C-alpha atoms as a PDB file:
ATOM      1  CA  MET A   1     181.059 122.172  19.870  1.00  0.00           C
ATOM      2  CA  ASN A   2     182.715 125.404  20.946  1.00  0.00           C
ATOM      3  CA  HIS A   3     181.626 126.457  24.454  1.00  0.00           C
ATOM      4  CA  ASP A   4     183.135 129.961  24.158  1.00  0.00           C
ATOM      5  CA  LYS A   5     180.308 131.098  21.907  1.00  0.00           C
ATOM      6  CA  ILE A   6     176.540 131.144  22.186  1.00  0.00           C
ATOM      7  CA  ARG A   7     175.149 127.610  22.142  1.00  0.00           C
ATOM      8  CA  VAL A   8     171.743 126.913  20.658  1.00  0.00           C
ATOM      9  CA  LEU A   9     169.377 124.221  21.886  1.00  0.00           C
ATOM     10  CA  LEU A  10     166.184 123.202  20.111  1.00  0.00           C
ATOM     11  CA  GLY A  11     163.253 122.141  22.242  1.00  0.00           C
ATOM     12  CA  HIS A  12     160.532 119.734  21.178  1.00  0.00           C
ATOM     13  CA  ASP A  13     157.367 119.355  23.247  1.00  0.00           C
ATOM     14  CA  GLN A  14     155.001 116.427  23.308  1.00  0.00           C
ATOM     15  CA  PRO A  15     151.268 117.121  23.016  1.00  0.00           C
ATOM     16  CA  GLN A  16     149.566 118.234  26.238  1.00  0.00           C
ATOM     17  CA  ASP A  17     146.135 119.181  24.879  1.00  0.00           C
ATOM     18  CA  ILE A  18     143.726 118.361  22.062  1.00  0.00           C
ATOM     19  CA  ILE A  19     145.230 120.936  19.673  1.00  0.00           C
ATOM     20  CA  GLY A  20     148.739 119.602  20.305  1.00  0.00           C
ATOM     21  CA  ARG A  21     147.571 116.033  19.695  1.00  0.00           C
ATOM     22  CA  ALA A  22     145.927 117.134  16.446  1.00  0.00           C
ATOM     23  CA  ILE A  23     149.170 118.790  15.279  1.00  0.00           C
ATOM     24  CA  ALA A  24     151.202 115.682  16.144  1.00  0.00           C
ATOM     25  CA  ARG A  25     148.679 113.419  14.398  1.00  0.00           C
ATOM     26  CA  PHE A  26     148.489 115.607  11.305  1.00  0.00           C
ATOM     27  CA  THR A  27     152.272 115.671  10.837  1.00  0.00           C
ATOM     28  CA  TRP A  28     152.533 111.853  11.285  1.00  0.00           C
ATOM     29  CA  LEU A  29     156.238 111.469  11.928  1.00  0.00           C
ATOM     30  CA  HIS A  30     156.918 111.923  15.637  1.00  0.00           C
ATOM     31  CA  PRO A  31     154.753 112.688  18.672  1.00  0.00           C
ATOM     32  CA  VAL A  32     155.878 116.307  19.019  1.00  0.00           C
ATOM     33  CA  CYS A  33     153.724 119.363  18.514  1.00  0.00           C
ATOM     34  CA  HIS A  34     155.752 122.419  19.525  1.00  0.00           C
ATOM     35  CA  SER A  35     159.237 123.734  18.737  1.00  0.00           C
ATOM     36  CA  LYS A  36     161.319 126.329  20.596  1.00  0.00           C
ATOM     37  CA  ALA A  37     164.931 127.423  20.903  1.00  0.00           C
ATOM     38  CA  ALA A  38     167.157 128.240  23.855  1.00  0.00           C
ATOM     39  CA  PHE A  39     170.229 130.441  23.581  1.00  0.00           C
ATOM     40  CA  TRP A  40     172.865 129.479  26.150  1.00  0.00           C
ATOM     41  CA  PHE A  41     175.360 132.293  26.623  1.00  0.00           C
ATOM     42  CA  PRO A  42     178.999 131.742  27.695  1.00  0.00           C
ATOM     43  CA  ASP A  43     178.291 133.564  30.987  1.00  0.00           C
ATOM     44  CA  GLY A  44     175.660 130.940  31.893  1.00  0.00           C
ATOM     45  CA  ARG A  45     172.506 132.920  31.035  1.00  0.00           C
ATOM     46  CA  TYR A  46     169.685 131.373  29.014  1.00  0.00           C
ATOM     47  CA  GLN A  47     166.942 132.802  26.817  1.00  0.00           C
ATOM     48  CA  ILE A  48     164.124 130.747  25.376  1.00  0.00           C
ATOM     49  CA  TRP A  49     162.458 131.955  22.177  1.00  0.00           C
ATOM     50  CA  GLU A  50     159.231 130.529  20.823  1.00  0.00           C
ATOM     51  CA  SER A  51     156.076 131.337  18.928  1.00  0.00           C
ATOM     52  CA  ARG A  52     153.067 130.308  21.031  1.00  0.00           C
ATOM     53  CA  ARG A  53     149.357 130.196  20.289  1.00  0.00           C
ATOM     54  CA  ASP A  54     148.550 132.380  23.295  1.00  0.00           C
ATOM     55  CA  CYS A  55     151.070 135.196  22.772  1.00  0.00           C
ATOM     56  CA  GLY A  56     153.055 134.906  19.525  1.00  0.00           C
ATOM     57  CA  VAL A  57     156.840 135.271  19.403  1.00  0.00           C
ATOM     58  CA  ILE A  58     158.286 135.806  22.862  1.00  0.00           C
ATOM     59  CA  LYS A  59     161.557 135.669  24.769  1.00  0.00           C
ATOM     60  CA  ARG A  60     161.459 134.187  28.261  1.00  0.00           C
ATOM     61  CA  ASP A  61     163.492 132.471  30.963  1.00  0.00           C
ATOM     62  CA  PRO A  62     163.512 128.657  31.277  1.00  0.00           C
ATOM     63  CA  ASP A  63     160.583 127.245  33.249  1.00  0.00           C
ATOM     64  CA  PRO A  64     161.780 123.836  34.516  1.00  0.00           C
ATOM     65  CA  GLU A  65     158.681 123.239  36.660  1.00  0.00           C
ATOM     66  CA  GLY A  66     156.204 124.353  34.010  1.00  0.00           C
ATOM     67  CA  ARG A  67     156.361 124.800  30.241  1.00  0.00           C
ATOM     68  CA  ASP A  68     159.815 123.209  29.855  1.00  0.00           C
ATOM     69  CA  ARG A  69     159.332 120.292  32.230  1.00  0.00           C
ATOM     70  CA  TYR A  70     158.905 117.606  29.545  1.00  0.00           C
ATOM     71  CA  THR A  71     160.734 119.293  26.684  1.00  0.00           C
ATOM     72  CA  ILE A  72     163.156 117.140  24.705  1.00  0.00           C
ATOM     73  CA  TRP A  73     166.242 119.308  24.045  1.00  0.00           C
ATOM     74  CA  THR A  74     168.849 118.819  21.337  1.00  0.00           C
ATOM     75  CA  GLU A  75     171.867 120.956  20.482  1.00  0.00           C
ATOM     76  CA  VAL A  76     172.568 122.421  17.039  1.00  0.00           C
ATOM     77  CA  ASP A  77     175.828 123.918  15.875  1.00  0.00           C
ATOM     78  CA  LEU A  78     174.862 127.192  14.211  1.00  0.00           C
ATOM     79  CA  PRO A  79     177.736 128.826  12.294  1.00  0.00           C
ATOM     80  CA  ASN A  80     176.442 132.283  13.292  1.00  0.00           C
ATOM     81  CA  PRO A  81     174.311 132.170  16.482  1.00  0.00           C
ATOM     82  CA  GLU A  82     174.518 135.961  16.812  1.00  0.00           C
ATOM     83  CA  ALA A  83     172.649 136.358  13.496  1.00  0.00           C
ATOM     84  CA  ALA A  84     169.997 133.888  14.700  1.00  0.00           C
ATOM     85  CA  LEU A  85     169.579 135.845  17.928  1.00  0.00           C
ATOM     86  CA  ALA A  86     169.317 139.141  16.015  1.00  0.00           C
ATOM     87  CA  PHE A  87     166.607 137.555  13.840  1.00  0.00           C
ATOM     88  CA  ALA A  88     164.709 136.431  16.956  1.00  0.00           C
ATOM     89  CA  TYR A  89     164.753 139.964  18.367  1.00  0.00           C
ATOM     90  CA  ARG A  90     163.391 141.332  15.069  1.00  0.00           C
ATOM     91  CA  GLN A  91     160.488 138.864  15.269  1.00  0.00           C
ATOM     92  CA  GLU A  92     159.620 139.504  18.932  1.00  0.00           C
ATOM     93  CA  GLY A  93     155.971 140.454  19.342  1.00  0.00           C
ATOM     94  CA  LYS A  94     154.794 139.000  16.028  1.00  0.00           C
ATOM     95  CA  LYS A  95     151.642 136.926  16.303  1.00  0.00           C
ATOM     96  CA  TYR A  96     151.176 133.171  16.057  1.00  0.00           C
ATOM     97  CA  ASP A  97     149.783 132.079  12.713  1.00  0.00           C
ATOM     98  CA  ASN A  98     146.193 130.916  12.355  1.00  0.00           C
ATOM     99  CA  PRO A  99     146.251 127.142  11.769  1.00  0.00           C
ATOM    100  CA  PHE A 100     142.838 127.096  10.121  1.00  0.00           C
ATOM    101  CA  TRP A 101     144.099 129.188   7.177  1.00  0.00           C
ATOM    102  CA  LYS A 102     146.927 126.744   6.567  1.00  0.00           C
ATOM    103  CA  PHE A 103     144.447 123.901   6.156  1.00  0.00           C
ATOM    104  CA  LEU A 104     141.839 125.818   4.150  1.00  0.00           C
ATOM    105  CA  PHE A 105     144.083 127.676   1.696  1.00  0.00           C
ATOM    106  CA  ARG A 106     147.259 126.906  -0.159  1.00  0.00           C
ATOM    107  CA  VAL A 107     149.945 128.693   1.806  1.00  0.00           C
ATOM    108  CA  THR A 108     152.860 130.192  -0.101  1.00  0.00           C
ATOM    109  CA  GLU A 109     156.066 131.850   1.026  1.00  0.00           C
ATOM    110  CA  GLU A 110     154.601 135.188  -0.033  1.00  0.00           C
ATOM    111  CA  SER A 111     151.379 134.705   1.938  1.00  0.00           C
ATOM    112  CA  ARG A 112     153.364 133.639   5.027  1.00  0.00           C
ATOM    113  CA  LYS A 113     155.593 136.712   4.846  1.00  0.00           C
ATOM    114  CA  ALA A 114     152.615 138.986   4.182  1.00  0.00           C
ATOM    115  CA  SER A 115     150.828 137.709   7.283  1.00  0.00           C
ATOM    116  CA  GLY A 116     153.784 138.625   9.529  1.00  0.00           C
ATOM    117  CA  ARG A 117     152.881 135.622  11.696  1.00  0.00           C
ATOM    118  CA  TRP A 118     154.798 132.496  12.663  1.00  0.00           C
ATOM    119  CA  PHE A 119     153.936 128.927  13.545  1.00  0.00           C
ATOM    120  CA  CYS A 120     156.418 127.615  16.115  1.00  0.00           C
ATOM    121  CA  SER A 121     158.252 125.298  13.711  1.00  0.00           C
ATOM    122  CA  GLU A 122     158.440 127.951  10.964  1.00  0.00           C
ATOM    123  CA  PHE A 123     159.995 130.398  13.415  1.00  0.00           C
ATOM    124  CA  ILE A 124     162.600 127.923  14.692  1.00  0.00           C
ATOM    125  CA  PHE A 125     163.449 126.685  11.178  1.00  0.00           C
ATOM    126  CA  GLN A 126     163.971 130.265   9.976  1.00  0.00           C
ATOM    127  CA  LEU A 127     165.952 131.118  13.130  1.00  0.00           C
ATOM    128  CA  CYS A 128     168.371 128.272  12.326  1.00  0.00           C
ATOM    129  CA  ALA A 129     168.539 129.340   8.663  1.00  0.00           C
ATOM    130  CA  GLU A 130     169.387 132.907   9.719  1.00  0.00           C
ATOM    131  CA  GLY A 131     172.147 131.417  11.879  1.00  0.00           C
ATOM    132  CA  GLY A 132     173.594 129.651   8.843  1.00  0.00           C
ATOM    133  CA  LEU A 133     172.180 126.139   9.259  1.00  0.00           C
ATOM    134  CA  ARG A 134     169.608 124.519   6.968  1.00  0.00           C
ATOM    135  CA  MET A 135     167.970 121.900   9.176  1.00  0.00           C
ATOM    136  CA  LEU A 136     166.250 120.193   6.245  1.00  0.00           C
ATOM    137  CA  ARG A 137     166.413 120.097   2.470  1.00  0.00           C
ATOM    138  CA  ILE A 138     163.215 122.118   2.499  1.00  0.00           C
ATOM    139  CA  LEU A 139     164.070 125.739   1.829  1.00  0.00           C
ATOM    140  CA  LYS A 140     160.763 127.354   2.733  1.00  0.00           C
ATOM    141  CA  ALA A 141     159.797 127.849   6.384  1.00  0.00           C
ATOM    142  CA  PHE A 142     156.063 127.497   5.690  1.00  0.00           C
ATOM    143  CA  MET A 143     156.581 123.833   4.696  1.00  0.00           C
ATOM    144  CA  VAL A 144     158.082 122.810   8.062  1.00  0.00           C
ATOM    145  CA  SER A 145     156.292 121.075  10.938  1.00  0.00           C
ATOM    146  CA  PRO A 146     157.502 120.316  14.485  1.00  0.00           C
ATOM    147  CA  SER A 147     157.883 116.650  13.505  1.00  0.00           C
ATOM    148  CA  LEU A 148     160.104 117.491  10.539  1.00  0.00           C
ATOM    149  CA  LEU A 149     162.372 119.622  12.723  1.00  0.00           C
ATOM    150  CA  PHE A 150     162.503 116.855  15.323  1.00  0.00           C
ATOM    151  CA  SER A 151     163.581 114.365  12.644  1.00  0.00           C
ATOM    152  CA  SER A 152     166.492 116.490  11.347  1.00  0.00           C
ATOM    153  CA  PRO A 153     169.807 114.650  11.715  1.00  0.00           C
ATOM    154  CA  LEU A 154     171.657 117.944  12.284  1.00  0.00           C
ATOM    155  CA  GLN A 155     171.062 117.857  16.037  1.00  0.00           C
ATOM    156  CA  ASP A 156     173.081 116.387  18.884  1.00  0.00           C
ATOM    157  CA  GLY A 157     170.961 114.914  21.587  1.00  0.00           C
ATOM    158  CA  PRO A 158     168.957 114.418  23.462  1.00  0.00           C
ATOM    159  CA  PHE A 159     170.663 117.041  25.590  1.00  0.00           C
ATOM    160  CA  ARG A 160     169.833 117.822  29.212  1.00  0.00           C
ATOM    161  CA  PRO A 161     170.252 121.539  29.940  1.00  0.00           C
ATOM    162  CA  PRO A 162     171.271 122.624  33.461  1.00  0.00           C
ATOM    163  CA  TRP A 163     167.769 123.807  34.356  1.00  0.00           C
ATOM    164  CA  GLN A 164     166.504 120.202  33.920  1.00  0.00           C
ATOM    165  CA  MET A 165     169.188 118.656  36.135  1.00  0.00           C
END
C-alpha cells in the first residue's frame, strides 16, 4: 500500500454492553457490534470517524485508553481516500439511526436516505464505496451489518496502529 497518500483503517469493536451483545447476536457471523474508520494522513495525523448511538456521525482523535482500547483494526486500500473523507465531512452531525425501526419495518434504500441517519456499519460501508471500494457484493448500505463488514476479504489485518503500540 502507498504510504504517501491517506491510509484508511477500519475498526471493529467487540460488544461491551447489552445492546452491543444483541447486535452481535442478531448478525450471527462474528462477535463485533460497532464499525468505525480512521484516516491516517502522511504527516502522521489521525482522524476517527464513526456513527455512534449517543451522538451520531462524529470526527474525533484516537482514544487508546478508552473507546479504541480493544478495537480490532484492519487496513483497506481505497482508490480515492480523499473522496471518502469528503463524504465523511458531508455526513458529520447526522444522527444515529433508530434500531427499533429497522426491526419493525422493512427498510429500503429510499427510507434510509430519507431518514438522514446512519447505523455505524452503513456509514462505514458507504464511506468505502465513496472512496471507490465495494467491501461486499451487497450494493445497498442499509443491508450491511458490522459482522458483514468484518468478514470482508478486502482488508489487510489485523493492523496495529501507532496509538495502540
